[in-house]
Amino acid sequence: MRIGDLAERTGASVRSLRYYEKQGMLSSERSASGQRHYGEDAVSRVVLIRQFFAAGMNSRTIAELLPHIKSNGERCPPQVLRQLVSELDRIDAQADELARVRQTLNDMVEATKEAMRAT
């Protein structure tokens, strides 16, 4: 599929796809005219890259992890495991902080609703 098709199917911009390729996170074949062509597996790859970015990972970390992500259950090297655990710990801390902020906002909304009902 061409780059525009991949962008449409994944919600990523064409510019982002070019960036992913430049960073070594995504690969394509080139046609005789120089157009990028991606295999069907590129869709799930881009979705995963976007999930990692959304979780706060940087491109260097993502590029280091992607070669070790396998769907067949193979084990990762110890240094990759440490990196994965570190990312999980960071995401857990971030989720805890978001939960605290959510509770604060919820308390403010409920207090405001109570005050409006009282008037």
N, C-alpha and C. Protein backbone atom coordinates (compact mmCIF):
# COMPACT_ATOMS: atom_id res chain seq x y z
N MET A 1 0.85 -1.17 0.00
CA MET A 1 0.00 0.00 0.00
C MET A 1 0.89 1.23 0.00
N ARG A 2 0.38 2.31 -0.52
CA ARG A 2 1.15 3.55 -0.58
C ARG A 2 1.03 4.32 0.73
N ILE A 3 1.88 5.30 0.89
CA ILE A 3 1.98 6.03 2.14
C ILE A 3 0.66 6.71 2.53
N GLY A 4 -0.05 7.24 1.55
CA GLY A 4 -1.35 7.87 1.83
C GLY A 4 -2.37 6.88 2.35
N ASP A 5 -2.33 5.67 1.80
CA ASP A 5 -3.24 4.62 2.25
C ASP A 5 -2.93 4.21 3.69
N LEU A 6 -1.63 4.08 3.98
CA LEU A 6 -1.21 3.72 5.34
C LEU A 6 -1.61 4.82 6.33
N ALA A 7 -1.43 6.04 5.92
CA ALA A 7 -1.82 7.16 6.78
C ALA A 7 -3.32 7.12 7.07
N GLU A 8 -4.10 6.89 6.05
CA GLU A 8 -5.55 6.85 6.20
C GLU A 8 -5.99 5.70 7.11
N ARG A 9 -5.37 4.55 6.96
CA ARG A 9 -5.76 3.37 7.74
C ARG A 9 -5.33 3.44 9.20
N THR A 10 -4.30 4.21 9.48
CA THR A 10 -3.77 4.25 10.85
C THR A 10 -4.06 5.55 11.59
N GLY A 11 -4.47 6.58 10.87
CA GLY A 11 -4.69 7.87 11.50
C GLY A 11 -3.41 8.67 11.68
N ALA A 12 -2.30 8.15 11.22
CA ALA A 12 -1.02 8.86 11.29
C ALA A 12 -0.89 9.77 10.08
N SER A 13 -0.20 10.87 10.27
CA SER A 13 0.02 11.76 9.12
C SER A 13 1.13 11.19 8.24
N VAL A 14 1.13 11.59 7.00
CA VAL A 14 2.19 11.18 6.07
C VAL A 14 3.54 11.63 6.62
N ARG A 15 3.56 12.81 7.18
CA ARG A 15 4.80 13.34 7.75
C ARG A 15 5.30 12.43 8.89
N SER A 16 4.39 11.98 9.74
CA SER A 16 4.76 11.08 10.83
C SER A 16 5.32 9.76 10.29
N LEU A 17 4.69 9.23 9.27
CA LEU A 17 5.16 7.97 8.69
C LEU A 17 6.58 8.13 8.13
N ARG A 18 6.83 9.24 7.49
CA ARG A 18 8.20 9.49 6.99
C ARG A 18 9.18 9.58 8.15
N TYR A 19 8.76 10.22 9.23
CA TYR A 19 9.60 10.33 10.42
C TYR A 19 9.88 8.95 11.01
N TYR A 20 8.85 8.12 11.14
CA TYR A 20 9.03 6.78 11.68
C TYR A 20 10.05 6.01 10.83
N GLU A 21 9.96 6.18 9.55
CA GLU A 21 10.89 5.49 8.65
C GLU A 21 12.31 6.02 8.83
N LYS A 22 12.43 7.32 8.93
CA LYS A 22 13.76 7.94 9.11
C LYS A 22 14.41 7.48 10.42
N GLN A 23 13.58 7.25 11.45
CA GLN A 23 14.09 6.82 12.76
C GLN A 23 14.30 5.30 12.83
N GLY A 24 14.00 4.59 11.77
CA GLY A 24 14.21 3.14 11.75
C GLY A 24 13.10 2.34 12.40
N MET A 25 11.96 2.96 12.62
CA MET A 25 10.84 2.27 13.26
C MET A 25 9.92 1.60 12.25
N LEU A 26 10.04 1.98 11.01
CA LEU A 26 9.15 1.51 9.95
C LEU A 26 9.97 1.40 8.68
N SER A 27 9.65 0.43 7.85
CA SER A 27 10.38 0.30 6.59
C SER A 27 9.41 0.16 5.43
N SER A 28 9.89 0.51 4.27
CA SER A 28 9.08 0.41 3.06
C SER A 28 9.96 -0.05 1.91
N GLU A 29 9.30 -0.47 0.88
CA GLU A 29 9.96 -0.78 -0.40
C GLU A 29 9.75 0.44 -1.29
N ARG A 30 10.67 0.67 -2.18
CA ARG A 30 10.52 1.79 -3.13
C ARG A 30 10.20 1.24 -4.51
N SER A 31 9.25 1.90 -5.17
CA SER A 31 8.92 1.53 -6.53
C SER A 31 9.98 2.12 -7.46
N ALA A 32 9.91 1.77 -8.72
CA ALA A 32 10.87 2.30 -9.71
C ALA A 32 10.80 3.81 -9.77
N SER A 33 9.63 4.37 -9.48
CA SER A 33 9.47 5.83 -9.51
C SER A 33 9.79 6.47 -8.16
N GLY A 34 10.21 5.65 -7.17
CA GLY A 34 10.61 6.19 -5.88
C GLY A 34 9.50 6.27 -4.84
N GLN A 35 8.31 5.81 -5.17
CA GLN A 35 7.21 5.86 -4.21
C GLN A 35 7.37 4.78 -3.15
N ARG A 36 7.01 5.13 -1.93
CA ARG A 36 7.05 4.17 -0.83
C ARG A 36 5.86 3.21 -0.95
N HIS A 37 6.15 1.94 -0.66
CA HIS A 37 5.10 0.92 -0.60
C HIS A 37 5.32 0.11 0.67
N TYR A 38 4.22 -0.09 1.40
CA TYR A 38 4.26 -0.77 2.68
C TYR A 38 3.48 -2.07 2.62
N GLY A 39 3.93 -3.05 3.37
CA GLY A 39 3.21 -4.30 3.49
C GLY A 39 2.04 -4.15 4.45
N GLU A 40 1.18 -5.13 4.47
CA GLU A 40 0.00 -5.11 5.34
C GLU A 40 0.40 -5.04 6.81
N ASP A 41 1.54 -5.60 7.18
CA ASP A 41 1.98 -5.59 8.57
C ASP A 41 2.34 -4.19 9.06
N ALA A 42 2.52 -3.26 8.15
CA ALA A 42 2.86 -1.88 8.54
C ALA A 42 1.71 -1.24 9.32
N VAL A 43 0.49 -1.65 9.07
CA VAL A 43 -0.66 -1.07 9.78
C VAL A 43 -0.53 -1.33 11.28
N SER A 44 -0.34 -2.58 11.68
CA SER A 44 -0.23 -2.89 13.10
C SER A 44 1.03 -2.27 13.70
N ARG A 45 2.08 -2.18 12.92
CA ARG A 45 3.33 -1.57 13.38
C ARG A 45 3.11 -0.09 13.71
N VAL A 46 2.45 0.63 12.81
CA VAL A 46 2.20 2.06 13.03
C VAL A 46 1.25 2.26 14.22
N VAL A 47 0.25 1.42 14.34
CA VAL A 47 -0.67 1.52 15.49
C VAL A 47 0.12 1.35 16.78
N LEU A 48 1.03 0.38 16.83
CA LEU A 48 1.84 0.16 18.01
C LEU A 48 2.76 1.35 18.30
N ILE A 49 3.39 1.87 17.27
CA ILE A 49 4.25 3.05 17.43
C ILE A 49 3.45 4.21 18.02
N ARG A 50 2.27 4.44 17.49
CA ARG A 50 1.43 5.53 17.99
C ARG A 50 1.00 5.29 19.44
N GLN A 51 0.74 4.05 19.80
CA GLN A 51 0.39 3.73 21.19
C GLN A 51 1.57 4.04 22.11
N PHE A 52 2.76 3.66 21.68
CA PHE A 52 3.95 3.94 22.48
C PHE A 52 4.17 5.44 22.65
N PHE A 53 4.01 6.19 21.58
CA PHE A 53 4.13 7.65 21.69
C PHE A 53 3.07 8.21 22.65
N ALA A 54 1.85 7.71 22.54
CA ALA A 54 0.76 8.18 23.40
C ALA A 54 1.05 7.87 24.87
N ALA A 55 1.80 6.80 25.12
CA ALA A 55 2.16 6.43 26.48
C ALA A 55 3.36 7.22 27.00
N GLY A 56 3.89 8.10 26.16
CA GLY A 56 4.98 8.96 26.60
C GLY A 56 6.38 8.49 26.26
N MET A 57 6.49 7.42 25.49
CA MET A 57 7.82 6.95 25.09
C MET A 57 8.40 7.89 24.04
N ASN A 58 9.71 8.00 24.02
CA ASN A 58 10.35 8.81 22.97
C ASN A 58 10.74 7.91 21.80
N SER A 59 11.07 8.52 20.69
CA SER A 59 11.34 7.75 19.47
C SER A 59 12.55 6.84 19.61
N ARG A 60 13.54 7.28 20.37
CA ARG A 60 14.73 6.43 20.54
C ARG A 60 14.38 5.14 21.27
N THR A 61 13.60 5.27 22.35
CA THR A 61 13.19 4.09 23.11
C THR A 61 12.34 3.18 22.25
N ILE A 62 11.41 3.76 21.51
CA ILE A 62 10.54 2.96 20.65
C ILE A 62 11.37 2.21 19.61
N ALA A 63 12.30 2.90 18.98
CA ALA A 63 13.14 2.28 17.96
C ALA A 63 13.97 1.14 18.54
N GLU A 64 14.39 1.28 19.80
CA GLU A 64 15.17 0.22 20.45
C GLU A 64 14.31 -0.99 20.80
N LEU A 65 13.05 -0.74 21.15
CA LEU A 65 12.17 -1.83 21.58
C LEU A 65 11.55 -2.60 20.41
N LEU A 66 11.22 -1.92 19.35
CA LEU A 66 10.46 -2.55 18.26
C LEU A 66 11.08 -3.84 17.70
N PRO A 67 12.38 -3.91 17.52
CA PRO A 67 12.92 -5.18 16.97
C PRO A 67 12.70 -6.38 17.89
N HIS A 68 12.42 -6.13 19.16
CA HIS A 68 12.26 -7.21 20.13
C HIS A 68 10.80 -7.57 20.39
N ILE A 69 9.90 -6.87 19.77
CA ILE A 69 8.48 -7.14 19.98
C ILE A 69 8.04 -8.18 18.96
N LYS A 70 7.71 -9.32 19.50
CA LYS A 70 7.35 -10.44 18.65
C LYS A 70 6.00 -10.98 19.09
N SER A 71 5.24 -11.45 18.16
CA SER A 71 3.93 -11.99 18.50
C SER A 71 4.00 -13.47 18.85
N ASN A 72 5.17 -14.08 18.70
CA ASN A 72 5.26 -15.52 18.94
C ASN A 72 5.75 -15.88 20.34
N GLY A 73 5.83 -14.90 21.24
CA GLY A 73 6.17 -15.17 22.62
C GLY A 73 7.65 -15.38 22.90
N GLU A 74 8.52 -15.06 21.97
CA GLU A 74 9.96 -15.19 22.23
C GLU A 74 10.37 -14.26 23.35
N ARG A 75 11.40 -14.65 24.07
CA ARG A 75 11.90 -13.84 25.16
C ARG A 75 12.75 -12.69 24.65
N CYS A 76 12.73 -11.60 25.41
CA CYS A 76 13.55 -10.44 25.10
C CYS A 76 14.89 -10.58 25.81
N PRO A 77 15.94 -9.97 25.28
CA PRO A 77 17.21 -9.95 26.00
C PRO A 77 17.04 -9.21 27.33
N PRO A 78 17.89 -9.51 28.33
CA PRO A 78 17.77 -8.89 29.66
C PRO A 78 17.73 -7.36 29.63
N GLN A 79 18.55 -6.73 28.79
CA GLN A 79 18.56 -5.26 28.77
C GLN A 79 17.24 -4.71 28.24
N VAL A 80 16.61 -5.42 27.34
CA VAL A 80 15.31 -4.99 26.83
C VAL A 80 14.25 -5.20 27.90
N LEU A 81 14.34 -6.30 28.63
CA LEU A 81 13.40 -6.54 29.72
C LEU A 81 13.49 -5.42 30.75
N ARG A 82 14.70 -5.01 31.11
CA ARG A 82 14.87 -3.90 32.06
C ARG A 82 14.21 -2.62 31.53
N GLN A 83 14.39 -2.37 30.26
CA GLN A 83 13.80 -1.17 29.65
C GLN A 83 12.28 -1.26 29.66
N LEU A 84 11.75 -2.43 29.37
CA LEU A 84 10.29 -2.62 29.39
C LEU A 84 9.73 -2.41 30.79
N VAL A 85 10.40 -2.97 31.79
CA VAL A 85 9.96 -2.81 33.18
C VAL A 85 10.02 -1.34 33.58
N SER A 86 11.07 -0.67 33.17
CA SER A 86 11.20 0.76 33.47
C SER A 86 10.06 1.56 32.85
N GLU A 87 9.70 1.25 31.62
CA GLU A 87 8.58 1.94 30.96
C GLU A 87 7.27 1.64 31.67
N LEU A 88 7.07 0.39 32.08
CA LEU A 88 5.85 0.04 32.81
C LEU A 88 5.77 0.81 34.13
N ASP A 89 6.88 0.89 34.84
CA ASP A 89 6.90 1.64 36.10
C ASP A 89 6.56 3.11 35.86
N ARG A 90 7.11 3.69 34.81
CA ARG A 90 6.85 5.10 34.49
C ARG A 90 5.37 5.30 34.15
N ILE A 91 4.82 4.40 33.36
CA ILE A 91 3.41 4.50 32.97
C ILE A 91 2.50 4.31 34.18
N ASP A 92 2.85 3.38 35.07
CA ASP A 92 2.06 3.18 36.29
C ASP A 92 2.06 4.45 37.15
N ALA A 93 3.22 5.07 37.30
CA ALA A 93 3.30 6.31 38.08
C ALA A 93 2.47 7.41 37.43
N GLN A 94 2.52 7.48 36.13
CA GLN A 94 1.75 8.48 35.39
C GLN A 94 0.24 8.20 35.56
N ALA A 95 -0.15 6.95 35.51
CA ALA A 95 -1.56 6.59 35.68
C ALA A 95 -2.03 6.93 37.09
N ASP A 96 -1.19 6.70 38.08
CA ASP A 96 -1.54 7.05 39.46
C ASP A 96 -1.76 8.56 39.59
N GLU A 97 -0.87 9.33 38.99
CA GLU A 97 -1.00 10.79 39.05
C GLU A 97 -2.27 11.25 38.34
N LEU A 98 -2.56 10.67 37.19
CA LEU A 98 -3.79 11.02 36.47
C LEU A 98 -5.02 10.67 37.30
N ALA A 99 -4.99 9.55 38.01
CA ALA A 99 -6.12 9.17 38.86
C ALA A 99 -6.32 10.19 39.98
N ARG A 100 -5.22 10.69 40.56
CA ARG A 100 -5.33 11.71 41.61
C ARG A 100 -5.91 13.00 41.05
N VAL A 101 -5.45 13.42 39.89
CA VAL A 101 -5.96 14.64 39.26
C VAL A 101 -7.44 14.46 38.91
N ARG A 102 -7.80 13.28 38.41
CA ARG A 102 -9.19 13.02 38.07
C ARG A 102 -10.07 13.13 39.30
N GLN A 103 -9.61 12.58 40.41
CA GLN A 103 -10.40 12.64 41.65
C GLN A 103 -10.56 14.09 42.11
N THR A 104 -9.52 14.89 42.01
CA THR A 104 -9.60 16.30 42.39
C THR A 104 -10.62 17.02 41.53
N LEU A 105 -10.57 16.80 40.22
CA LEU A 105 -11.54 17.43 39.32
C LEU A 105 -12.95 16.96 39.61
N ASN A 106 -13.10 15.68 39.86
CA ASN A 106 -14.42 15.13 40.17
C ASN A 106 -14.97 15.77 41.45
N ASP A 107 -14.11 15.90 42.47
CA ASP A 107 -14.54 16.54 43.72
C ASP A 107 -14.99 17.97 43.47
N MET A 108 -14.27 18.70 42.62
CA MET A 108 -14.64 20.09 42.30
C MET A 108 -15.99 20.14 41.59
N VAL A 109 -16.21 19.23 40.65
CA VAL A 109 -17.48 19.20 39.92
C VAL A 109 -18.62 18.90 40.89
N GLU A 110 -18.44 17.91 41.74
CA GLU A 110 -19.50 17.54 42.68
C GLU A 110 -19.79 18.68 43.66
N ALA A 111 -18.74 19.34 44.15
CA ALA A 111 -18.94 20.47 45.07
C ALA A 111 -19.68 21.60 44.39
N THR A 112 -19.36 21.86 43.14
CA THR A 112 -20.03 22.92 42.38
C THR A 112 -21.51 22.56 42.15
N LYS A 113 -21.78 21.32 41.80
CA LYS A 113 -23.17 20.88 41.61
C LYS A 113 -23.96 21.01 42.89
N GLU A 114 -23.35 20.63 44.01
CA GLU A 114 -24.02 20.74 45.32
C GLU A 114 -24.35 22.21 45.62
N ALA A 115 -23.39 23.08 45.37
CA ALA A 115 -23.59 24.51 45.64
C ALA A 115 -24.69 25.06 44.74
N MET A 116 -24.77 24.60 43.51
CA MET A 116 -25.81 25.10 42.60
C MET A 116 -27.19 24.59 43.02
N ARG A 117 -27.26 23.37 43.54
CA ARG A 117 -28.55 22.83 44.00
C ARG A 117 -29.03 23.56 45.25
N ALA A 118 -28.08 24.02 46.06
CA ALA A 118 -28.42 24.69 47.32
C ALA A 118 -28.97 26.11 47.08
N THR A 119 -28.71 26.68 45.92
CA THR A 119 -29.18 28.04 45.65
C THR A 119 -30.49 28.06 44.92
